[in-house]
Amino acid sequence: MNRIIVLFFVLITAVAARAQIVTENVTYDDEGVLLLGYIAYDESIQDKKPAVIIVHDWMGIGPFAKEKAEAIAKLGYVGFAVDIYGIDSRPKNTQEAGKLAGTFKNDRNLMRKRINLAFNEIKKKNYVNPDRIAVMGYCFGGTVALELARSGADVKGTVSFHGGLDTPYPQDAKNIKGKVLVLHGGDDPFVPREQVSAFEKEMNDAGVDYQLFIYSGAVHSFTNPAAGNDNSKGAAYNEKVDKRSWEAMKTFFKEIF
């Protein structure tokens, strides 16, 4: 009987040792604009790990993005929830969020500069394999993730969850070095079919290795429970599609890493 108890505790200890998720805040700078990101990784994995940059939605970095960083860490990667707006620019409501997001959407060079700063920051960490970095983003963050790829950054893969797919520089798709995965709600009124078609043409013209998943019955923000469940508002959570898109992402990361 004592032997069984000992074996039980050995097993519990071994399981706990397999996942030691640690988190840390990280500050970086854009010519005087302080940015505050959030990193999560499994400390029990001794080797240098692939990293996944996570870009927030239009409300800025918060619990949702940080939870995704921790979920990425549980997959064995380093999750880095980045800050595009800056520590002094935290929207209090959707009106402020729309204004902030609009600033970056209307200035893609600034958008690319901020996300490249994050890309360079995560490469400095001694527990990160700098040659195995991907980027993912939600809504506004999906747009940012794609602009990082279009900028020519050496990311192995780019994932957009219900993100905007348009760009004023479609010719820059030729700079994309890695693979692309777009996870899109088929009924998303904010990213209409015309925009999706233009994106497909952009990718095809540039010869990019991309995948496009269109989920029927899903609207904008389908991964975020805070969006509610009323599709008529144009943004709503969809549990089934949330799970399906996460599994698609996991398969994609296994392939590129």
Protein backbone atom coordinates (compact mmCIF):
# COMPACT_ATOMS: atom_id res chain seq x y z
CA MET A 1 0.00 0.00 0.00
CA ASN A 2 2.81 2.43 0.88
CA ARG A 3 4.48 1.63 -2.42
CA ILE A 4 1.30 2.62 -4.28
CA ILE A 5 1.17 5.94 -2.42
CA VAL A 6 4.82 6.66 -3.24
CA LEU A 7 4.25 5.86 -6.91
CA PHE A 8 1.21 8.15 -6.91
CA PHE A 9 3.19 11.09 -5.58
CA VAL A 10 6.04 10.41 -8.02
CA LEU A 11 3.52 10.50 -10.86
CA ILE A 12 1.94 13.76 -9.64
CA THR A 13 5.37 15.36 -9.29
CA ALA A 14 6.37 14.26 -12.78
CA VAL A 15 3.19 15.69 -14.29
CA ALA A 16 3.72 19.00 -12.49
CA ALA A 17 7.32 19.15 -13.68
CA ARG A 18 6.20 18.89 -17.29
CA ALA A 19 4.45 22.25 -17.17
CA GLN A 20 5.99 25.08 -15.19
CA ILE A 21 4.48 28.15 -16.82
CA VAL A 22 6.20 31.37 -15.80
CA THR A 23 5.18 34.85 -16.88
CA GLU A 24 6.93 38.17 -17.00
CA ASN A 25 6.26 41.71 -18.13
CA VAL A 26 8.69 43.19 -20.63
CA THR A 27 9.14 46.83 -21.56
CA TYR A 28 10.55 48.09 -24.83
CA ASP A 29 10.66 51.48 -26.46
CA ASP A 30 9.72 53.31 -29.65
CA GLU A 31 11.60 56.61 -29.57
CA GLY A 32 10.24 57.60 -26.19
CA VAL A 33 6.94 55.71 -26.41
CA LEU A 34 7.04 53.01 -23.72
CA LEU A 35 5.53 49.66 -24.69
CA LEU A 36 4.61 46.96 -22.18
CA GLY A 37 4.32 43.35 -23.30
CA TYR A 38 3.67 40.07 -21.50
CA ILE A 39 5.64 36.83 -21.93
CA ALA A 40 4.70 33.29 -20.88
CA TYR A 41 6.73 30.10 -21.30
CA ASP A 42 7.23 26.65 -19.83
CA GLU A 43 10.36 26.81 -17.67
CA SER A 44 10.64 23.02 -17.57
CA ILE A 45 11.57 22.96 -21.27
CA GLN A 46 15.32 23.51 -21.26
CA ASP A 47 15.93 23.91 -24.98
CA LYS A 48 15.48 27.20 -26.80
CA LYS A 49 11.81 27.36 -27.74
CA PRO A 50 9.90 28.66 -30.75
CA ALA A 51 8.09 31.91 -29.98
CA VAL A 52 4.66 33.11 -31.01
CA ILE A 53 3.93 36.84 -31.01
CA ILE A 54 0.30 37.57 -30.07
CA VAL A 55 -1.21 40.88 -31.21
CA HIS A 56 -4.19 42.26 -29.31
CA ASP A 57 -7.52 43.42 -30.74
CA TRP A 58 -8.52 47.09 -30.95
CA MET A 59 -9.02 47.35 -27.18
CA GLY A 60 -5.27 46.94 -26.63
CA ILE A 61 -3.30 44.45 -24.59
CA GLY A 62 -5.37 43.00 -21.75
CA PRO A 63 -6.54 39.75 -20.13
CA PHE A 64 -7.61 38.15 -23.43
CA ALA A 65 -4.21 38.54 -25.10
CA LYS A 66 -2.37 37.51 -21.93
CA GLU A 67 -4.50 34.38 -21.59
CA LYS A 68 -3.61 33.48 -25.18
CA ALA A 69 0.09 33.92 -24.36
CA GLU A 70 -0.29 31.46 -21.48
CA ALA A 71 -2.21 29.03 -23.69
CA ILE A 72 0.60 29.19 -26.25
CA ALA A 73 3.12 28.50 -23.48
CA LYS A 74 1.22 25.34 -22.57
CA LEU A 75 1.80 24.13 -26.13
CA GLY A 76 5.56 24.32 -25.52
CA TYR A 77 6.22 27.67 -27.19
CA VAL A 78 6.98 31.12 -25.82
CA GLY A 79 3.90 33.33 -25.96
CA PHE A 80 4.56 37.06 -26.29
CA ALA A 81 1.51 39.32 -26.02
CA VAL A 82 2.71 42.59 -27.50
CA ASP A 83 1.70 46.22 -27.05
CA ILE A 84 1.07 48.16 -30.26
CA TYR A 85 -0.49 51.28 -28.71
CA GLY A 86 1.91 52.09 -25.86
CA ILE A 87 1.57 52.08 -22.09
CA ASP A 88 0.00 55.55 -22.03
CA SER A 89 -2.59 54.67 -24.68
CA ARG A 90 -5.12 52.32 -23.13
CA PRO A 91 -8.60 52.79 -24.63
CA LYS A 92 -11.40 53.06 -22.06
CA ASN A 93 -14.20 52.35 -24.53
CA THR A 94 -14.87 51.33 -28.12
CA GLN A 95 -14.82 54.95 -29.30
CA GLU A 96 -11.27 55.42 -28.03
CA ALA A 97 -10.31 51.99 -29.36
CA GLY A 98 -11.63 52.84 -32.80
CA LYS A 99 -9.63 56.06 -32.86
CA LEU A 100 -6.42 54.34 -31.79
CA ALA A 101 -6.82 51.43 -34.17
CA GLY A 102 -7.61 53.90 -36.96
CA THR A 103 -4.36 55.74 -36.33
CA PHE A 104 -2.38 52.61 -37.09
CA LYS A 105 -4.59 51.39 -39.91
CA ASN A 106 -4.09 54.75 -41.63
CA ASP A 107 -0.33 54.64 -41.05
CA ARG A 108 0.90 51.17 -41.99
CA ASN A 109 4.52 52.25 -41.68
CA LEU A 110 3.94 53.05 -38.00
CA MET A 111 2.06 49.77 -37.58
CA ARG A 112 4.94 47.85 -39.13
CA LYS A 113 7.47 49.71 -37.02
CA ARG A 114 5.71 48.83 -33.76
CA ILE A 115 5.28 45.15 -34.55
CA ASN A 116 8.86 44.85 -35.81
CA LEU A 117 10.04 46.30 -32.50
CA ALA A 118 8.21 43.47 -30.74
CA PHE A 119 9.66 40.93 -33.17
CA ASN A 120 13.19 42.15 -32.44
CA GLU A 121 12.51 42.21 -28.69
CA ILE A 122 11.47 38.57 -28.41
CA LYS A 123 14.52 37.45 -30.40
CA LYS A 124 16.74 38.78 -27.59
CA LYS A 125 15.45 36.32 -24.99
CA ASN A 126 17.93 33.58 -24.22
CA TYR A 127 15.16 30.95 -24.01
CA VAL A 128 13.87 31.74 -27.53
CA ASN A 129 15.06 30.21 -30.77
CA PRO A 130 15.35 33.38 -32.89
CA ASP A 131 15.01 31.37 -36.11
CA ARG A 132 11.62 29.92 -35.16
CA ILE A 133 9.20 32.79 -34.58
CA ALA A 134 5.57 33.11 -35.68
CA VAL A 135 2.94 35.81 -35.24
CA MET A 136 -0.81 35.64 -34.62
CA GLY A 137 -3.42 38.32 -34.02
CA TYR A 138 -7.07 38.93 -33.31
CA CYS A 139 -9.26 41.43 -35.23
CA PHE A 140 -7.02 44.54 -35.39
CA GLY A 141 -4.20 42.22 -34.35
CA GLY A 142 -4.77 40.02 -37.38
CA THR A 143 -4.18 43.04 -39.59
CA VAL A 144 -0.98 43.84 -37.68
CA ALA A 145 0.26 40.24 -37.93
CA LEU A 146 -0.16 40.26 -41.69
CA GLU A 147 1.64 43.59 -41.98
CA LEU A 148 4.60 42.11 -40.09
CA ALA A 149 4.78 39.37 -42.72
CA ARG A 150 4.39 41.86 -45.58
CA SER A 151 7.22 43.95 -44.12
CA GLY A 152 9.61 41.10 -44.86
CA ALA A 153 10.25 40.05 -41.26
CA ASP A 154 11.61 36.51 -41.02
CA VAL A 155 8.57 34.94 -39.39
CA LYS A 156 7.95 31.26 -40.08
CA GLY A 157 4.19 31.65 -39.98
CA THR A 158 1.41 34.20 -39.66
CA VAL A 159 -2.07 33.54 -38.27
CA SER A 160 -5.03 35.91 -38.44
CA PHE A 161 -8.13 35.26 -36.32
CA HIS A 162 -11.07 37.26 -37.75
CA GLY A 163 -8.61 39.98 -38.77
CA GLY A 164 -8.79 42.67 -41.39
CA LEU A 165 -7.12 41.44 -44.59
CA ASP A 166 -6.79 44.67 -46.55
CA THR A 167 -3.59 46.63 -47.05
CA PRO A 168 -2.61 49.74 -49.01
CA TYR A 169 0.52 47.83 -50.11
CA PRO A 170 -0.61 44.53 -51.67
CA GLN A 171 2.57 44.47 -53.74
CA ASP A 172 4.49 43.85 -50.51
CA ALA A 173 3.12 40.32 -50.31
CA LYS A 174 6.18 39.37 -52.33
CA ASN A 175 8.20 40.02 -49.14
CA ILE A 176 6.40 37.32 -47.14
CA LYS A 177 8.93 34.66 -46.14
CA GLY A 178 6.78 32.20 -44.20
CA LYS A 179 3.40 30.51 -44.47
CA VAL A 180 0.07 32.20 -43.76
CA LEU A 181 -3.12 30.94 -42.11
CA VAL A 182 -6.29 33.04 -42.16
CA LEU A 183 -9.23 32.02 -39.96
CA HIS A 184 -12.29 33.94 -41.09
CA GLY A 185 -15.96 34.11 -40.17
CA GLY A 186 -18.11 33.53 -43.24
CA ASP A 187 -20.68 36.09 -42.07
CA ASP A 188 -18.21 38.72 -40.85
CA PRO A 189 -19.65 42.11 -41.96
CA PHE A 190 -16.42 43.95 -41.11
CA VAL A 191 -14.33 41.81 -43.47
CA PRO A 192 -16.64 41.34 -46.46
CA ARG A 193 -16.21 38.81 -49.24
CA GLU A 194 -14.73 41.46 -51.55
CA GLN A 195 -11.87 42.00 -49.10
CA VAL A 196 -11.32 38.26 -48.80
CA SER A 197 -11.20 37.91 -52.59
CA ALA A 198 -8.69 40.76 -52.86
CA PHE A 199 -6.55 39.06 -50.22
CA GLU A 200 -6.63 35.76 -52.10
CA LYS A 201 -5.53 37.52 -55.28
CA GLU A 202 -2.75 39.28 -53.37
CA MET A 203 -1.45 35.99 -51.98
CA ASN A 204 -1.79 34.13 -55.28
CA ASP A 205 -0.06 36.86 -57.27
CA ALA A 206 2.89 36.75 -54.84
CA GLY A 207 3.04 32.95 -54.72
CA VAL A 208 2.55 32.83 -50.95
CA ASP A 209 1.93 29.47 -49.26
CA TYR A 210 -1.35 30.31 -47.54
CA GLN A 211 -4.47 28.64 -46.16
CA LEU A 212 -7.87 30.28 -45.76
CA PHE A 213 -10.47 28.72 -43.47
CA ILE A 214 -13.97 30.19 -43.75
CA TYR A 215 -16.33 29.21 -40.94
CA SER A 216 -20.02 29.29 -41.78
CA GLY A 217 -22.32 31.08 -39.35
CA ALA A 218 -19.44 32.95 -37.69
CA VAL A 219 -19.17 36.73 -37.51
CA HIS A 220 -16.42 39.02 -36.25
CA SER A 221 -14.73 38.29 -32.87
CA PHE A 222 -15.80 34.63 -32.89
CA THR A 223 -12.98 33.68 -30.46
CA ASN A 224 -13.88 36.19 -27.74
CA PRO A 225 -16.59 35.30 -25.16
CA ALA A 226 -16.79 38.99 -24.23
CA ALA A 227 -18.34 39.66 -27.64
CA GLY A 228 -21.63 38.08 -26.56
CA ASN A 229 -23.73 35.75 -28.69
CA ASP A 230 -25.85 38.03 -30.86
CA ASN A 231 -24.71 37.60 -34.47
CA SER A 232 -26.93 40.48 -35.56
CA LYS A 233 -24.45 42.90 -33.96
CA GLY A 234 -21.77 41.76 -36.41
CA ALA A 235 -19.43 40.55 -33.63
CA ALA A 236 -20.22 37.55 -31.45
CA TYR A 237 -18.58 34.56 -29.79
CA ASN A 238 -18.94 31.15 -31.42
CA GLU A 239 -17.69 28.35 -29.19
CA LYS A 240 -17.59 25.72 -31.93
CA VAL A 241 -15.63 27.93 -34.32
CA ASP A 242 -13.36 29.12 -31.51
CA LYS A 243 -12.33 25.52 -30.86
CA ARG A 244 -12.01 24.62 -34.54
CA SER A 245 -9.84 27.64 -35.33
CA TRP A 246 -7.57 26.96 -32.34
CA GLU A 247 -7.04 23.39 -33.52
CA ALA A 248 -6.24 24.67 -37.02
CA MET A 249 -3.68 27.02 -35.50
CA LYS A 250 -2.09 24.21 -33.49
CA THR A 251 -1.74 22.06 -36.60
CA PHE A 252 -0.22 25.00 -38.47
CA PHE A 253 2.37 25.65 -35.75
CA LYS A 254 3.33 21.98 -35.63
CA GLU A 255 3.98 22.16 -39.36
CA ILE A 256 6.09 25.33 -39.39
CA PHE A 257 8.05 24.58 -36.22
